[in-house]
Amino acid sequence: MVYHGPDSARIMRQQTALMAYAGETGIWRQYASASTASGTGVWAGVGTTLYYRQQVITGLWALAPMGNFQERQLPGGQVMVGDVMLSTQDVLGKQDEVQWRGVTYRIEGDSMPVHLGGRVWYRTMLRRGDVTG
């Protein structure tokens, strides 16, 4: 048997099947705009209000390397806080958020393109957004 290199059509079909059957859905909150308070609103405690458009996306979720995990003290007790890697077919922006399994994650950097079988996936690092520190 002679090897002719990778079969791009087969890889593309595998990628589509993987995303359809192994992917999990989340809510992508895409940053749209912001409005700011002015004058007496600033003194009343009104600040910048962010506006988002929401859309359901499918992605493959993976934990980042264990070295990134930390624990944070919240009123309810200790919470494991760490980074999550999301692979999706959408480019996520720096001011976007993703809600997955009841937790809001913020985008930690630019989405990194990964070329596979003639298609592009984007890998994005997310950090749990309900914890400060």
Protein backbone atom coordinates (compact mmCIF):
# COMPACT_ATOMS: atom_id res chain seq x y z
CA MET A 1 0.00 0.00 0.00
CA VAL A 2 1.35 3.41 -0.98
CA TYR A 3 0.94 6.33 1.39
CA HIS A 4 -0.45 9.44 -0.36
CA GLY A 5 -0.47 11.81 2.61
CA PRO A 6 -3.34 12.81 4.90
CA ASP A 7 -6.89 12.50 3.59
CA SER A 8 -8.28 16.00 4.16
CA ALA A 9 -11.88 15.02 3.38
CA ARG A 10 -11.78 12.24 5.98
CA ILE A 11 -10.23 14.52 8.59
CA MET A 12 -12.91 17.15 7.89
CA ARG A 13 -15.70 14.56 8.34
CA GLN A 14 -14.14 13.37 11.60
CA GLN A 15 -13.91 16.93 12.89
CA THR A 16 -17.57 17.57 12.06
CA ALA A 17 -18.67 14.34 13.77
CA LEU A 18 -16.52 15.08 16.81
CA MET A 19 -17.99 18.55 17.28
CA ALA A 20 -21.55 17.27 16.76
CA TYR A 21 -21.37 14.31 19.12
CA ALA A 22 -18.67 15.15 21.67
CA GLY A 23 -19.15 18.90 21.92
CA GLU A 24 -21.10 20.56 24.72
CA THR A 25 -23.21 23.66 24.40
CA GLY A 26 -22.65 26.91 26.21
CA ILE A 27 -23.97 30.45 25.96
CA TRP A 28 -21.62 32.84 24.20
CA ARG A 29 -22.17 36.39 25.42
CA GLN A 30 -20.61 38.46 22.65
CA TYR A 31 -19.72 42.01 23.68
CA ALA A 32 -21.74 44.55 21.67
CA SER A 33 -21.22 47.97 23.27
CA ALA A 34 -21.10 49.92 26.50
CA SER A 35 -22.68 53.03 27.90
CA THR A 36 -21.18 55.14 30.62
CA ALA A 37 -22.72 57.31 33.26
CA SER A 38 -21.98 60.99 33.36
CA GLY A 39 -22.59 63.89 35.71
CA THR A 40 -24.59 62.98 38.81
CA GLY A 41 -24.83 59.34 37.67
CA VAL A 42 -21.16 58.86 38.51
CA TRP A 43 -21.74 60.14 42.05
CA ALA A 44 -24.77 57.87 42.42
CA GLY A 45 -22.60 54.81 41.78
CA VAL A 46 -23.63 54.22 38.18
CA GLY A 47 -20.71 53.10 36.06
CA THR A 48 -20.10 51.51 32.71
CA THR A 49 -22.85 49.15 31.58
CA LEU A 50 -21.83 46.45 29.12
CA TYR A 51 -24.26 45.11 26.54
CA TYR A 52 -23.98 41.62 25.08
CA ARG A 53 -25.72 39.57 22.40
CA GLN A 54 -26.25 35.95 23.39
CA GLN A 55 -25.94 32.87 21.24
CA VAL A 56 -25.71 29.14 21.92
CA ILE A 57 -22.42 27.62 20.71
CA THR A 58 -21.01 24.11 20.70
CA GLY A 59 -17.44 23.49 21.75
CA LEU A 60 -15.02 20.98 23.15
CA TRP A 61 -14.05 21.79 26.73
CA ALA A 62 -10.80 20.76 28.35
CA LEU A 63 -9.11 21.57 31.60
CA ALA A 64 -5.93 23.52 31.33
CA PRO A 65 -2.78 21.99 32.84
CA MET A 66 -3.16 21.32 36.56
CA GLY A 67 -0.51 23.90 37.43
CA ASN A 68 -3.04 26.66 36.71
CA PHE A 69 -5.54 25.59 39.36
CA GLN A 70 -5.96 27.52 42.56
CA GLU A 71 -8.51 27.68 45.35
CA ARG A 72 -10.31 30.87 46.29
CA GLN A 73 -12.26 31.65 49.42
CA LEU A 74 -15.84 32.68 48.74
CA PRO A 75 -18.67 33.23 51.23
CA GLY A 76 -19.83 29.65 50.65
CA GLY A 77 -16.37 28.15 51.19
CA GLN A 78 -13.40 27.14 49.06
CA VAL A 79 -13.92 27.03 45.30
CA MET A 80 -11.58 25.44 42.77
CA VAL A 81 -10.65 28.12 40.27
CA GLY A 82 -8.76 27.45 37.11
CA ASP A 83 -8.43 27.88 33.42
CA VAL A 84 -10.47 26.01 30.84
CA MET A 85 -9.58 25.58 27.16
CA LEU A 86 -12.49 25.86 24.72
CA SER A 87 -12.20 24.66 21.12
CA THR A 88 -14.95 25.99 18.87
CA GLN A 89 -15.58 27.15 15.33
CA ASP A 90 -16.25 30.72 16.51
CA VAL A 91 -13.69 33.43 17.22
CA LEU A 92 -14.25 34.71 20.76
CA GLY A 93 -13.35 38.32 21.58
CA LYS A 94 -11.45 39.58 24.60
CA GLN A 95 -14.51 41.21 26.17
CA ASP A 96 -16.81 38.23 25.55
CA GLU A 97 -18.04 35.76 28.13
CA VAL A 98 -19.09 32.12 27.96
CA GLN A 99 -21.57 30.53 30.35
CA TRP A 100 -21.13 26.79 30.77
CA ARG A 101 -22.79 24.56 33.37
CA GLY A 102 -24.03 27.57 35.32
CA VAL A 103 -20.63 29.27 35.57
CA THR A 104 -19.55 32.39 33.70
CA TYR A 105 -16.06 32.33 32.18
CA ARG A 106 -14.22 35.33 30.80
CA ILE A 107 -11.87 35.25 27.82
CA GLU A 108 -8.21 35.35 28.83
CA GLY A 109 -6.64 36.09 25.45
CA ASP A 110 -6.98 35.94 21.71
CA SER A 111 -8.48 32.86 20.10
CA MET A 112 -5.74 30.73 18.52
CA PRO A 113 -6.55 29.26 15.09
CA VAL A 114 -5.90 25.56 14.57
CA HIS A 115 -6.00 24.34 10.96
CA LEU A 116 -7.22 20.77 10.64
CA GLY A 117 -8.44 18.98 7.52
CA GLY A 118 -9.15 22.13 5.55
CA ARG A 119 -11.14 23.71 8.39
CA VAL A 120 -10.26 26.03 11.22
CA TRP A 121 -10.99 25.58 14.91
CA TYR A 122 -10.26 28.27 17.44
CA ARG A 123 -8.82 27.43 20.85
CA THR A 124 -9.49 29.98 23.55
CA MET A 125 -8.35 30.10 27.16
CA LEU A 126 -11.18 30.88 29.59
CA ARG A 127 -11.00 31.78 33.27
CA ARG A 128 -13.78 31.44 35.79
CA GLY A 129 -15.34 34.89 36.00
CA ASP A 130 -17.21 34.80 39.31
CA VAL A 131 -14.02 34.91 41.36
CA THR A 132 -11.76 37.86 41.93
CA GLY A 133 -8.06 37.73 42.47
